[in-house]
């Protein structure tokens, strides 16, 4: 399954996201949003999102938090309770 990369503008910069499958209309099943661990990134999901999207018939979306992966750098330092 082919993936599509996008950048979303959010407060603090641009967030990188990758989507497998297509978002549908109002009657389409909701997409599955994958949340990585505290220090992870989209690349760590490997082929799991493509398989998930193919098996479920839903779009799968993963993203990099600010300061990680292909997203913009995060301003400031991470608080101690970040993880």
N, C-alpha and C. Protein backbone atom coordinates (compact mmCIF):
# COMPACT_ATOMS: atom_id res chain seq x y z
N UNK A 1 0.85 -1.17 0.00
CA UNK A 1 0.00 0.00 0.00
C UNK A 1 0.89 1.23 0.00
N UNK A 2 0.57 2.16 -0.86
CA UNK A 2 1.36 3.38 -1.00
C UNK A 2 1.02 4.38 0.11
N UNK A 3 2.05 5.01 0.65
CA UNK A 3 1.87 5.99 1.72
C UNK A 3 1.95 7.40 1.14
N UNK A 4 1.31 8.32 1.83
CA UNK A 4 1.36 9.74 1.44
C UNK A 4 1.89 10.54 2.62
N UNK A 5 2.92 11.36 2.36
CA UNK A 5 3.52 12.19 3.40
C UNK A 5 2.96 13.60 3.33
N UNK A 6 2.68 14.17 4.50
CA UNK A 6 2.17 15.55 4.57
C UNK A 6 2.81 16.26 5.76
N UNK A 7 2.78 17.58 5.72
CA UNK A 7 3.18 18.40 6.86
C UNK A 7 1.98 19.21 7.29
N UNK A 8 1.70 19.20 8.57
CA UNK A 8 0.58 19.95 9.14
C UNK A 8 1.13 21.11 9.95
N UNK A 9 0.62 22.30 9.71
CA UNK A 9 1.04 23.48 10.46
C UNK A 9 0.27 23.52 11.78
N UNK A 10 1.01 23.52 12.87
CA UNK A 10 0.42 23.57 14.21
C UNK A 10 1.12 24.68 14.99
N UNK A 11 0.60 24.98 16.15
CA UNK A 11 1.26 25.95 17.01
C UNK A 11 2.64 25.40 17.37
N UNK A 12 3.68 26.12 17.03
CA UNK A 12 5.03 25.67 17.34
C UNK A 12 5.81 25.16 16.14
N UNK A 13 5.16 25.00 14.99
CA UNK A 13 5.90 24.55 13.80
C UNK A 13 5.11 23.61 12.92
N UNK A 14 5.85 22.84 12.11
CA UNK A 14 5.24 21.88 11.20
C UNK A 14 5.44 20.46 11.73
N UNK A 15 4.37 19.69 11.70
CA UNK A 15 4.39 18.30 12.14
C UNK A 15 4.33 17.41 10.91
N UNK A 16 5.24 16.45 10.84
CA UNK A 16 5.26 15.49 9.75
C UNK A 16 4.26 14.37 10.03
N UNK A 17 3.50 13.98 9.03
CA UNK A 17 2.56 12.86 9.16
C UNK A 17 2.60 12.01 7.90
N UNK A 18 2.32 10.74 8.04
CA UNK A 18 2.25 9.81 6.90
C UNK A 18 0.92 9.07 7.00
N UNK A 19 0.26 8.92 5.85
CA UNK A 19 -1.04 8.25 5.81
C UNK A 19 -1.00 7.10 4.81
N UNK A 20 -1.55 5.98 5.23
CA UNK A 20 -1.72 4.81 4.37
C UNK A 20 -3.21 4.65 4.15
N UNK A 21 -3.64 4.44 2.92
CA UNK A 21 -5.06 4.35 2.60
C UNK A 21 -5.62 5.73 2.33
N UNK A 22 -6.93 5.80 2.17
CA UNK A 22 -7.59 7.06 1.83
C UNK A 22 -8.65 7.41 2.87
N UNK A 23 -8.76 8.70 3.15
CA UNK A 23 -9.85 9.16 4.00
C UNK A 23 -11.10 9.21 3.15
N UNK A 24 -12.20 8.73 3.68
CA UNK A 24 -13.43 8.68 2.92
C UNK A 24 -14.39 9.80 3.24
N UNK A 25 -15.61 9.61 2.84
CA UNK A 25 -16.68 10.58 3.10
C UNK A 25 -17.25 10.35 4.50
N UNK A 26 -18.37 11.00 4.77
CA UNK A 26 -18.99 10.90 6.09
C UNK A 26 -19.32 9.48 6.50
N UNK A 27 -19.64 8.61 5.54
CA UNK A 27 -20.04 7.25 5.88
C UNK A 27 -18.85 6.27 5.91
N UNK A 28 -17.64 6.76 5.65
CA UNK A 28 -16.45 5.90 5.68
C UNK A 28 -16.03 5.64 7.12
N UNK A 29 -15.38 4.50 7.36
CA UNK A 29 -14.91 4.23 8.73
C UNK A 29 -13.85 5.26 9.15
N UNK A 30 -13.83 5.57 10.42
CA UNK A 30 -12.85 6.54 10.94
C UNK A 30 -11.43 6.03 10.73
N UNK A 31 -10.49 6.92 10.50
CA UNK A 31 -9.10 6.48 10.35
C UNK A 31 -8.54 6.03 11.70
N UNK A 32 -7.48 5.26 11.65
CA UNK A 32 -6.77 4.83 12.85
C UNK A 32 -5.55 5.73 12.98
N UNK A 33 -5.45 6.44 14.10
CA UNK A 33 -4.30 7.32 14.35
C UNK A 33 -3.34 6.59 15.28
N UNK A 34 -2.11 6.43 14.82
CA UNK A 34 -1.09 5.71 15.59
C UNK A 34 -0.28 6.69 16.41
N UNK A 35 -0.17 6.45 17.69
CA UNK A 35 0.58 7.30 18.60
C UNK A 35 1.87 6.59 18.98
N UNK A 36 3.01 7.20 18.67
CA UNK A 36 4.28 6.57 19.00
C UNK A 36 4.64 6.83 20.46
N UNK A 37 5.61 6.05 20.93
CA UNK A 37 6.04 6.27 22.31
C UNK A 37 6.70 7.64 22.42
N UNK A 38 7.11 7.99 23.57
CA UNK A 38 7.57 9.36 23.83
C UNK A 38 8.70 9.83 22.93
N UNK A 39 9.61 8.98 22.55
CA UNK A 39 10.75 9.40 21.75
C UNK A 39 10.73 8.79 20.35
N UNK A 40 9.65 8.20 19.93
CA UNK A 40 9.57 7.51 18.65
C UNK A 40 9.31 8.44 17.48
N UNK A 41 9.14 7.82 16.31
CA UNK A 41 8.84 8.57 15.09
C UNK A 41 8.13 7.64 14.10
N UNK A 42 7.64 8.20 13.01
CA UNK A 42 6.90 7.46 11.99
C UNK A 42 7.70 6.27 11.47
N UNK A 43 8.98 6.48 11.22
CA UNK A 43 9.81 5.43 10.62
C UNK A 43 9.86 4.15 11.46
N UNK A 44 9.68 4.27 12.76
CA UNK A 44 9.75 3.09 13.63
C UNK A 44 8.56 2.14 13.46
N UNK A 45 7.49 2.61 12.82
CA UNK A 45 6.33 1.74 12.61
C UNK A 45 6.60 0.70 11.52
N UNK A 46 7.58 0.95 10.67
CA UNK A 46 7.95 0.05 9.55
C UNK A 46 6.74 -0.27 8.68
N UNK A 47 6.40 -1.53 8.47
CA UNK A 47 5.30 -1.89 7.56
C UNK A 47 3.97 -2.11 8.28
N UNK A 48 3.95 -1.95 9.59
CA UNK A 48 2.72 -2.19 10.35
C UNK A 48 1.55 -1.32 9.89
N UNK A 49 1.71 0.01 9.69
CA UNK A 49 0.56 0.82 9.29
C UNK A 49 -0.04 0.42 7.94
N UNK A 50 0.80 0.06 6.99
CA UNK A 50 0.29 -0.37 5.68
C UNK A 50 -0.52 -1.65 5.81
N UNK A 51 -0.02 -2.57 6.61
CA UNK A 51 -0.74 -3.83 6.85
C UNK A 51 -2.05 -3.56 7.58
N UNK A 52 -2.00 -2.72 8.60
CA UNK A 52 -3.20 -2.37 9.36
C UNK A 52 -4.27 -1.76 8.47
N UNK A 53 -3.87 -0.82 7.62
CA UNK A 53 -4.82 -0.17 6.71
C UNK A 53 -5.42 -1.18 5.73
N UNK A 54 -4.59 -2.06 5.20
CA UNK A 54 -5.06 -3.06 4.23
C UNK A 54 -6.04 -4.04 4.88
N UNK A 55 -5.73 -4.50 6.07
CA UNK A 55 -6.56 -5.50 6.75
C UNK A 55 -7.88 -4.91 7.23
N UNK A 56 -7.86 -3.68 7.75
CA UNK A 56 -9.06 -3.08 8.33
C UNK A 56 -9.91 -2.31 7.33
N UNK A 57 -9.32 -1.93 6.19
CA UNK A 57 -10.04 -1.10 5.22
C UNK A 57 -10.16 0.35 5.68
N UNK A 58 -9.41 0.73 6.68
CA UNK A 58 -9.40 2.11 7.20
C UNK A 58 -8.07 2.76 6.86
N UNK A 59 -8.06 4.07 6.80
CA UNK A 59 -6.80 4.78 6.65
C UNK A 59 -6.05 4.68 7.98
N UNK A 60 -4.73 4.62 7.92
CA UNK A 60 -3.89 4.64 9.11
C UNK A 60 -3.01 5.88 9.01
N UNK A 61 -2.90 6.62 10.10
CA UNK A 61 -2.13 7.86 10.12
C UNK A 61 -1.15 7.82 11.29
N UNK A 62 0.12 8.12 11.00
CA UNK A 62 1.14 8.23 12.05
C UNK A 62 1.79 9.59 11.90
N UNK A 63 2.32 10.12 12.99
CA UNK A 63 2.95 11.43 12.93
C UNK A 63 4.15 11.49 13.87
N UNK A 64 5.01 12.49 13.64
CA UNK A 64 6.15 12.75 14.50
C UNK A 64 5.83 13.96 15.36
N UNK A 65 6.00 13.85 16.66
CA UNK A 65 5.81 15.01 17.54
C UNK A 65 6.85 16.07 17.18
N UNK A 66 6.56 17.32 17.55
CA UNK A 66 7.55 18.38 17.37
C UNK A 66 8.83 17.97 18.10
N UNK A 67 9.95 18.13 17.42
CA UNK A 67 11.24 17.79 18.00
C UNK A 67 11.69 16.38 17.69
N UNK A 68 10.89 15.61 16.97
CA UNK A 68 11.23 14.23 16.66
C UNK A 68 11.01 13.95 15.18
N UNK A 69 11.74 12.96 14.66
CA UNK A 69 11.58 12.55 13.27
C UNK A 69 11.74 13.72 12.32
N UNK A 70 10.79 13.85 11.38
CA UNK A 70 10.85 14.90 10.36
C UNK A 70 10.10 16.17 10.74
N UNK A 71 9.51 16.20 11.91
CA UNK A 71 8.81 17.41 12.36
C UNK A 71 9.83 18.49 12.73
N UNK A 72 9.35 19.73 12.79
CA UNK A 72 10.21 20.84 13.19
C UNK A 72 10.73 20.64 14.60
N UNK A 73 11.83 21.33 14.89
CA UNK A 73 12.40 21.28 16.24
C UNK A 73 11.38 21.84 17.23
N UNK A 74 11.45 21.34 18.43
CA UNK A 74 10.57 21.79 19.51
C UNK A 74 11.27 22.90 20.27
N UNK A 75 10.55 23.95 20.57
CA UNK A 75 11.13 25.05 21.35
C UNK A 75 11.24 24.66 22.81
N UNK A 76 12.30 25.05 23.46
CA UNK A 76 12.46 24.78 24.88
C UNK A 76 12.92 23.36 25.17
N UNK A 77 13.05 23.07 26.42
CA UNK A 77 13.46 21.73 26.84
C UNK A 77 12.23 20.93 27.26
N UNK A 78 12.35 19.63 27.19
CA UNK A 78 11.25 18.77 27.60
C UNK A 78 11.16 18.73 29.11
N UNK A 79 9.95 18.77 29.67
CA UNK A 79 9.83 18.70 31.12
C UNK A 79 10.18 17.29 31.62
N UNK A 80 10.50 17.18 32.87
CA UNK A 80 10.88 15.88 33.44
C UNK A 80 9.80 14.83 33.30
N UNK A 81 8.53 15.25 33.32
CA UNK A 81 7.43 14.31 33.24
C UNK A 81 6.98 14.04 31.80
N UNK A 82 7.79 14.39 30.82
CA UNK A 82 7.44 14.19 29.41
C UNK A 82 7.15 12.72 29.11
N UNK A 83 7.94 11.83 29.69
CA UNK A 83 7.78 10.40 29.40
C UNK A 83 6.80 9.84 30.31
